[in-house]
């Protein structure tokens, strides 16, 4: 071949001949390439999420401003992946409340535009789910470290809610004692005991549970920029403190769902093993609060990376946990969430469990 021009001319002849003879040029494939990691992990190897909090009174994630239609659709999405338990995260926080409580309004709380408690109970009735009512959080404990106001306010809330709602709905299945702690905080044991005892007495023994956090390396202020801290609790200290707490509350608290997002992924088995051992010792159910939001990012809070959620659910299954709930489906896993990533997490979760 003498020069570049001859090369180009000859290539054109070859290409034309190929077309005339019926040869097809390679085309991009439209078929799935199966790049979903099926050969890298064992599917359906974690504890399925069967419960979720319902967050409509929050202070660190945005409201989605849903009405009855959106909430009904979300319950359908929950049901499709096997969720059978819904827990109102807060019946009220400071002055905002979820239902028209005569008592709390008399204490300065604002009248809500919708009775969300009634809406959630009706949807739980409709979709055959168990509903756990969460007690009122005045915010006083967060401001002062004093839990006495939580006990005093909830004396009235527990009676009011059971009489006005609990006796009318088949789905009203239990109570969530919302005062969150991580260590053996002063007054915590007595507070949990007093509120748990009243919940059981007024409702004929319906179950109660708590969802504390582990004071691990990621237990930092949500409003701060730090993602980790140095003075994290050790596994041994965590076991000592929660042994004492469980000893004081197990008669009136049936389950404990530790939040799983404050420890690193390589610490899951160590802490989970201790939690299960303590729960078994005191005859309590050991649940995990599998957080579906990501604590490892500087922007708080976005839906979690699927593999992080998977690691946590697999650890819970290895350690023999009884139930997995999440905070929280509607913001961080729902296909209709304001976060686009939530719907993708829902899809990856369904693929993993073959749902």
Protein backbone atom coordinates (compact mmCIF):
# COMPACT_ATOMS: atom_id res chain seq x y z
CA UNK A 1 0.00 0.00 0.00
CA UNK A 2 1.67 3.15 -1.26
CA UNK A 3 0.08 5.87 0.81
CA UNK A 4 -2.68 6.92 3.21
CA UNK A 5 -5.12 7.69 0.38
CA UNK A 6 -4.86 4.14 -1.02
CA UNK A 7 -5.45 2.71 2.48
CA UNK A 8 -8.65 4.71 3.00
CA UNK A 9 -9.96 3.83 -0.49
CA UNK A 10 -9.33 0.10 0.05
CA UNK A 11 -11.03 0.15 3.45
CA UNK A 12 -14.10 1.76 1.91
CA UNK A 13 -14.28 -1.04 -0.67
CA UNK A 14 -14.04 -3.71 2.02
CA UNK A 15 -16.75 -2.06 4.12
CA UNK A 16 -19.05 -1.76 1.15
CA UNK A 17 -18.55 -5.40 0.28
CA UNK A 18 -19.42 -6.40 3.81
CA UNK A 19 -22.67 -4.48 3.62
CA UNK A 20 -23.54 -5.98 0.22
CA UNK A 21 -22.90 -9.51 1.48
CA UNK A 22 -25.34 -9.04 4.37
CA UNK A 23 -22.78 -8.83 7.23
CA UNK A 24 -24.04 -6.72 10.14
CA UNK A 25 -21.87 -4.28 12.02
CA UNK A 26 -21.78 -4.82 15.82
CA UNK A 27 -24.53 -2.90 17.62
CA UNK A 28 -24.72 -1.89 21.30
CA UNK A 29 -26.56 -4.58 23.26
CA UNK A 30 -29.93 -3.67 24.74
CA UNK A 31 -29.99 -6.77 26.97
CA UNK A 32 -29.21 -6.52 30.70
CA UNK A 33 -25.57 -7.29 31.39
CA UNK A 34 -26.22 -8.84 34.83
CA UNK A 35 -23.80 -6.53 36.57
CA UNK A 36 -25.71 -6.73 39.84
CA UNK A 37 -23.18 -8.68 41.89
CA UNK A 38 -25.10 -11.96 42.03
CA UNK A 39 -21.85 -13.89 42.12
CA UNK A 40 -20.28 -11.71 44.84
CA UNK A 41 -22.70 -12.05 47.75
CA UNK A 42 -25.15 -14.57 49.17
CA UNK A 43 -28.64 -13.20 48.65
CA UNK A 44 -31.34 -13.29 51.32
CA UNK A 45 -28.71 -13.66 54.04
CA UNK A 46 -29.86 -10.90 56.38
CA UNK A 47 -32.69 -10.24 58.80
CA UNK A 48 -35.65 -8.82 56.90
CA UNK A 49 -37.02 -5.46 57.99
CA UNK A 50 -40.53 -6.05 59.29
CA UNK A 51 -41.16 -2.78 61.11
CA UNK A 52 -40.67 0.93 60.58
CA UNK A 53 -41.02 4.16 62.46
CA UNK A 54 -43.40 6.78 61.06
CA UNK A 55 -41.77 10.19 61.36
CA UNK A 56 -44.01 13.20 61.10
CA UNK A 57 -42.75 15.09 64.14
CA UNK A 58 -39.05 15.54 63.51
CA UNK A 59 -36.36 18.14 64.00
CA UNK A 60 -33.53 16.99 61.73
CA UNK A 61 -35.11 15.59 58.56
CA UNK A 62 -37.57 17.43 56.29
CA UNK A 63 -41.31 16.93 56.28
CA UNK A 64 -42.73 15.49 53.07
CA UNK A 65 -46.15 17.11 53.63
CA UNK A 66 -48.08 13.99 52.68
CA UNK A 67 -51.83 13.65 52.95
CA UNK A 68 -54.01 10.57 53.29
CA UNK A 69 -53.47 9.50 49.67
CA UNK A 70 -49.67 9.52 49.95
CA UNK A 71 -49.69 7.74 53.30
CA UNK A 72 -52.04 5.06 51.97
CA UNK A 73 -49.68 4.45 49.04
CA UNK A 74 -46.71 4.24 51.42
CA UNK A 75 -48.41 1.60 53.53
CA UNK A 76 -48.86 -0.41 50.32
CA UNK A 77 -45.13 -0.13 49.60
CA UNK A 78 -44.38 -1.23 53.17
CA UNK A 79 -46.72 -4.20 52.94
CA UNK A 80 -45.09 -5.31 49.68
CA UNK A 81 -41.76 -5.98 51.42
CA UNK A 82 -43.22 -7.65 54.50
CA UNK A 83 -43.50 -4.80 57.00
CA UNK A 84 -46.07 -5.79 59.62
CA UNK A 85 -45.34 -3.24 62.36
CA UNK A 86 -45.44 0.56 62.30
CA UNK A 87 -44.31 2.79 65.15
CA UNK A 88 -45.13 6.46 65.50
CA UNK A 89 -41.71 7.96 66.27
CA UNK A 90 -43.18 10.77 68.36
CA UNK A 91 -46.78 11.56 69.23
CA UNK A 92 -45.47 15.05 69.86
CA UNK A 93 -42.22 16.94 70.15
CA UNK A 94 -42.16 20.17 72.11
CA UNK A 95 -45.19 22.13 70.83
CA UNK A 96 -45.98 20.16 67.67
CA UNK A 97 -48.27 17.15 68.09
CA UNK A 98 -49.79 14.49 65.85
CA UNK A 99 -53.30 14.32 67.28
CA UNK A 100 -55.71 16.84 68.87
CA UNK A 101 -54.74 16.14 72.46
CA UNK A 102 -56.88 18.16 74.86
CA UNK A 103 -54.23 17.79 77.53
CA UNK A 104 -51.20 18.79 75.42
CA UNK A 105 -53.04 21.72 73.85
CA UNK A 106 -53.86 22.91 77.36
CA UNK A 107 -50.09 22.83 78.01
CA UNK A 108 -49.39 25.16 75.08
CA UNK A 109 -49.03 22.74 72.16
CA UNK A 110 -50.38 23.67 68.72
CA UNK A 111 -53.51 22.15 67.21
CA UNK A 112 -52.49 19.94 64.25
CA UNK A 113 -54.28 20.34 60.92
CA UNK A 114 -54.76 16.57 60.59
CA UNK A 115 -55.23 13.83 63.16
CA UNK A 116 -52.28 11.72 62.05
CA UNK A 117 -52.74 9.25 64.89
CA UNK A 118 -56.22 8.40 63.64
CA UNK A 119 -54.97 8.22 60.04
CA UNK A 120 -52.11 5.88 60.90
CA UNK A 121 -54.34 3.63 62.99
CA UNK A 122 -56.91 3.36 60.21
CA UNK A 123 -54.20 2.47 57.69
CA UNK A 124 -52.71 -0.08 60.07
CA UNK A 125 -56.21 -1.57 60.47
CA UNK A 126 -56.64 -1.63 56.68
CA UNK A 127 -53.31 -3.31 55.94
CA UNK A 128 -53.36 -5.67 58.92
CA UNK A 129 -50.35 -4.18 60.71
CA UNK A 130 -49.52 -3.72 64.38
CA UNK A 131 -49.32 -0.09 65.49
CA UNK A 132 -47.10 1.04 68.36
CA UNK A 133 -47.91 4.38 69.93
CA UNK A 134 -44.95 6.53 70.90
CA UNK A 135 -45.14 8.71 73.97
CA UNK A 136 -44.82 12.50 74.04
CA UNK A 137 -41.38 14.18 74.09
CA UNK A 138 -41.49 17.59 75.75
CA UNK A 139 -37.85 18.38 74.92
CA UNK A 140 -37.24 19.19 78.57
CA UNK A 141 -34.84 16.28 78.99
CA UNK A 142 -32.75 17.40 76.00
CA UNK A 143 -32.52 20.90 77.45
CA UNK A 144 -31.86 20.08 81.09
CA UNK A 145 -31.04 16.38 81.48
CA UNK A 146 -34.06 16.04 83.78
CA UNK A 147 -36.54 13.30 82.82
CA UNK A 148 -39.23 14.13 85.38
CA UNK A 149 -41.36 16.17 82.97
CA UNK A 150 -41.48 13.28 80.49
CA UNK A 151 -43.03 11.07 83.15
CA UNK A 152 -45.47 13.75 84.33
CA UNK A 153 -46.76 14.72 80.86
CA UNK A 154 -47.08 11.16 79.70
CA UNK A 155 -49.24 10.19 82.66
CA UNK A 156 -52.02 12.10 80.96
CA UNK A 157 -51.09 11.22 77.37
CA UNK A 158 -51.13 7.46 78.01
CA UNK A 159 -54.61 7.59 79.56
CA UNK A 160 -55.97 9.94 76.90
CA UNK A 161 -54.68 7.97 73.93
CA UNK A 162 -55.76 4.59 75.20
CA UNK A 163 -59.30 5.79 75.99
CA UNK A 164 -59.76 7.79 72.77
CA UNK A 165 -57.92 5.55 70.26
CA UNK A 166 -56.61 2.32 71.70
CA UNK A 167 -59.96 0.80 72.50
CA UNK A 168 -61.33 1.54 68.99
CA UNK A 169 -58.60 0.12 66.74
CA UNK A 170 -57.64 -3.53 66.37
CA UNK A 171 -54.17 -2.48 65.18
CA UNK A 172 -53.23 -0.72 68.43
CA UNK A 173 -50.67 -3.30 69.47
CA UNK A 174 -48.23 -1.69 71.88
CA UNK A 175 -46.22 1.25 73.13
CA UNK A 176 -42.88 2.81 72.28
CA UNK A 177 -41.21 4.54 75.23
CA UNK A 178 -39.42 7.28 73.37
CA UNK A 179 -36.95 8.76 75.85
CA UNK A 180 -33.69 7.97 74.05
CA UNK A 181 -30.52 7.27 76.00
CA UNK A 182 -27.20 5.59 75.29
CA UNK A 183 -25.66 5.15 78.75
CA UNK A 184 -26.91 4.58 82.28
CA UNK A 185 -28.20 8.14 82.48
CA UNK A 186 -29.36 9.44 85.85
CA UNK A 187 -33.07 8.73 86.27
CA UNK A 188 -33.38 6.63 83.11
CA UNK A 189 -34.18 3.31 84.78
CA UNK A 190 -36.94 4.78 86.95
CA UNK A 191 -38.35 6.76 84.01
CA UNK A 192 -38.56 3.71 81.76
CA UNK A 193 -40.03 1.65 84.57
CA UNK A 194 -42.72 4.17 85.50
CA UNK A 195 -43.86 4.80 81.93
CA UNK A 196 -43.67 1.13 80.91
CA UNK A 197 -45.68 0.10 83.96
CA UNK A 198 -48.44 2.60 83.25
CA UNK A 199 -48.63 1.63 79.56
CA UNK A 200 -49.10 -2.01 80.49
CA UNK A 201 -51.59 -1.35 83.25
CA UNK A 202 -53.86 0.87 81.19
CA UNK A 203 -53.88 -1.41 78.12
CA UNK A 204 -54.14 -4.81 79.72
CA UNK A 205 -50.49 -5.74 79.26
CA UNK A 206 -49.76 -4.70 75.67
CA UNK A 207 -46.02 -4.91 74.85
CA UNK A 208 -43.59 -2.02 75.19
CA UNK A 209 -40.19 -1.37 73.69
CA UNK A 210 -37.35 1.13 73.71
CA UNK A 211 -34.83 2.14 71.02
CA UNK A 212 -31.66 3.58 72.62
CA UNK A 213 -28.45 4.31 70.81
CA UNK A 214 -24.99 2.86 71.37
CA UNK A 215 -22.48 5.52 72.43
CA UNK A 216 -20.06 4.55 69.68
CA UNK A 217 -17.59 6.51 67.57
CA UNK A 218 -20.36 7.92 65.35
CA UNK A 219 -22.55 9.15 68.23
CA UNK A 220 -21.97 12.83 67.45
CA UNK A 221 -24.22 15.88 67.40
CA UNK A 222 -26.44 15.86 64.31
CA UNK A 223 -25.98 19.61 63.89
CA UNK A 224 -22.19 19.43 64.06
CA UNK A 225 -19.66 18.86 61.29
CA UNK A 226 -17.79 15.97 62.94
CA UNK A 227 -18.56 12.44 61.80
CA UNK A 228 -16.73 10.58 64.57
CA UNK A 229 -15.46 11.11 68.13
CA UNK A 230 -12.62 9.71 70.20
CA UNK A 231 -14.33 8.89 73.51
CA UNK A 232 -16.53 6.04 72.30
CA UNK A 233 -17.86 3.45 74.72
CA UNK A 234 -16.11 0.09 74.83
CA UNK A 235 -17.99 -3.16 74.36
CA UNK A 236 -17.25 -4.08 77.99
CA UNK A 237 -18.56 -0.80 79.40
CA UNK A 238 -21.65 -0.98 77.18
CA UNK A 239 -22.37 -4.45 78.55
CA UNK A 240 -21.94 -3.38 82.19
CA UNK A 241 -24.21 -0.36 81.91
CA UNK A 242 -26.98 -2.07 79.95
CA UNK A 243 -26.92 -5.09 82.23
CA UNK A 244 -27.82 -2.70 85.04
CA UNK A 245 -30.50 -0.94 82.97
CA UNK A 246 -32.14 -4.16 81.79
CA UNK A 247 -32.15 -5.47 85.33
CA UNK A 248 -34.24 -2.47 86.36
CA UNK A 249 -36.73 -2.36 83.48
CA UNK A 250 -37.25 -5.88 82.12
CA UNK A 251 -40.49 -6.40 84.05
CA UNK A 252 -42.21 -3.61 82.10
CA UNK A 253 -40.19 -3.35 78.86
CA UNK A 254 -40.56 -6.28 76.48
CA UNK A 255 -38.06 -5.44 73.72
CA UNK A 256 -35.02 -3.29 73.06
CA UNK A 257 -34.12 -2.13 69.54
CA UNK A 258 -30.68 -0.54 69.70
CA UNK A 259 -29.98 1.95 66.93
CA UNK A 260 -27.24 0.43 64.78
CA UNK A 261 -25.74 3.47 63.11
CA UNK A 262 -23.41 4.80 65.81
CA UNK A 263 -20.82 2.04 65.61
CA UNK A 264 -18.52 1.05 62.76
CA UNK A 265 -19.34 -1.90 60.53
CA UNK A 266 -16.46 -3.98 61.88
CA UNK A 267 -17.88 -3.54 65.40
CA UNK A 268 -21.36 -4.84 64.63
CA UNK A 269 -20.84 -8.44 65.73
CA UNK A 270 -19.19 -7.52 69.02
CA UNK A 271 -21.92 -5.13 70.14
CA UNK A 272 -24.76 -7.20 68.67
CA UNK A 273 -23.56 -10.30 70.51
CA UNK A 274 -23.62 -8.42 73.82
CA UNK A 275 -27.09 -6.99 73.12
CA UNK A 276 -28.54 -10.42 72.37
CA UNK A 277 -26.87 -11.97 75.43
CA UNK A 278 -28.33 -9.30 77.72
CA UNK A 279 -31.80 -9.51 76.18
CA UNK A 280 -31.83 -13.28 76.61
CA UNK A 281 -30.64 -12.97 80.20
CA UNK A 282 -33.61 -10.78 81.11
CA UNK A 283 -36.25 -12.43 78.94
CA UNK A 284 -36.54 -9.50 76.53
CA UNK A 285 -36.86 -9.50 72.75
CA UNK A 286 -33.71 -8.32 70.96
CA UNK A 287 -34.58 -6.12 67.98
CA UNK A 288 -32.34 -3.97 65.81
CA UNK A 289 -33.17 -0.47 64.67
CA UNK A 290 -31.52 -0.77 61.26
CA UNK A 291 -31.04 2.85 60.31
CA UNK A 292 -31.75 3.37 56.59
CA UNK A 293 -30.02 6.76 56.55
CA UNK A 294 -26.28 7.33 56.26
CA UNK A 295 -24.25 8.69 59.19
CA UNK A 296 -20.96 8.57 57.26
CA UNK A 297 -21.60 11.63 55.08
CA UNK A 298 -21.07 15.31 55.90
CA UNK A 299 -24.60 16.09 54.65
CA UNK A 300 -27.20 14.87 57.13
CA UNK A 301 -29.21 12.83 56.35
CA UNK A 302 -29.49 10.96 53.05
CA UNK A 303 -30.60 7.38 52.29
CA UNK A 304 -27.91 4.86 53.15
CA UNK A 305 -25.78 2.96 50.63
CA UNK A 306 -27.38 -0.46 50.20
CA UNK A 307 -24.24 -2.43 51.12
CA UNK A 308 -24.07 -0.64 54.47
CA UNK A 309 -27.65 -1.60 55.25
CA UNK A 310 -26.95 -5.14 54.07
CA UNK A 311 -23.96 -5.51 56.39
CA UNK A 312 -26.06 -4.45 59.37
CA UNK A 313 -28.95 -6.79 58.56
CA UNK A 314 -26.58 -9.71 58.00
CA UNK A 315 -24.93 -9.08 61.38
CA UNK A 316 -28.35 -9.03 63.06
CA UNK A 317 -29.20 -12.40 61.52
CA UNK A 318 -25.84 -13.91 62.54
CA UNK A 319 -26.38 -12.81 66.12
CA UNK A 320 -29.89 -14.27 66.31
CA UNK A 321 -31.87 -11.06 66.62
CA UNK A 322 -35.65 -11.40 66.84
CA UNK A 323 -36.82 -8.52 64.64
CA UNK A 324 -35.50 -5.68 62.48
CA UNK A 325 -37.20 -2.31 62.34
CA UNK A 326 -35.92 0.79 60.59
CA UNK A 327 -35.75 4.51 60.96
CA UNK A 328 -37.25 5.11 58.65
CA UNK A 329 -39.01 3.75 55.62
CA UNK A 330 -40.96 6.74 54.33
CA UNK A 331 -38.02 9.13 54.00
CA UNK A 332 -35.17 6.74 53.24
CA UNK A 333 -36.62 3.65 51.50
CA UNK A 334 -39.94 4.61 49.97
CA UNK A 335 -40.30 4.85 46.15
CA UNK A 336 -42.29 8.06 46.68
CA UNK A 337 -39.80 9.68 49.07
CA UNK A 338 -38.58 13.21 48.40
CA UNK A 339 -35.15 11.58 48.09
CA UNK A 340 -34.68 9.92 44.69
CA UNK A 341 -32.10 7.57 46.21
CA UNK A 342 -34.73 6.07 48.53
CA UNK A 343 -36.58 4.36 45.71
CA UNK A 344 -33.34 2.86 44.45
CA UNK A 345 -32.61 1.54 47.95
CA UNK A 346 -36.08 -0.03 47.93
CA UNK A 347 -35.28 -1.75 44.61
CA UNK A 348 -31.90 -3.04 45.78
CA UNK A 349 -33.48 -4.32 49.01
CA UNK A 350 -36.16 -6.21 47.07
CA UNK A 351 -33.57 -7.72 44.74
CA UNK A 352 -31.43 -8.89 47.65
CA UNK A 353 -34.32 -10.59 49.45
CA UNK A 354 -36.04 -11.80 46.27
CA UNK A 355 -39.22 -9.85 46.98
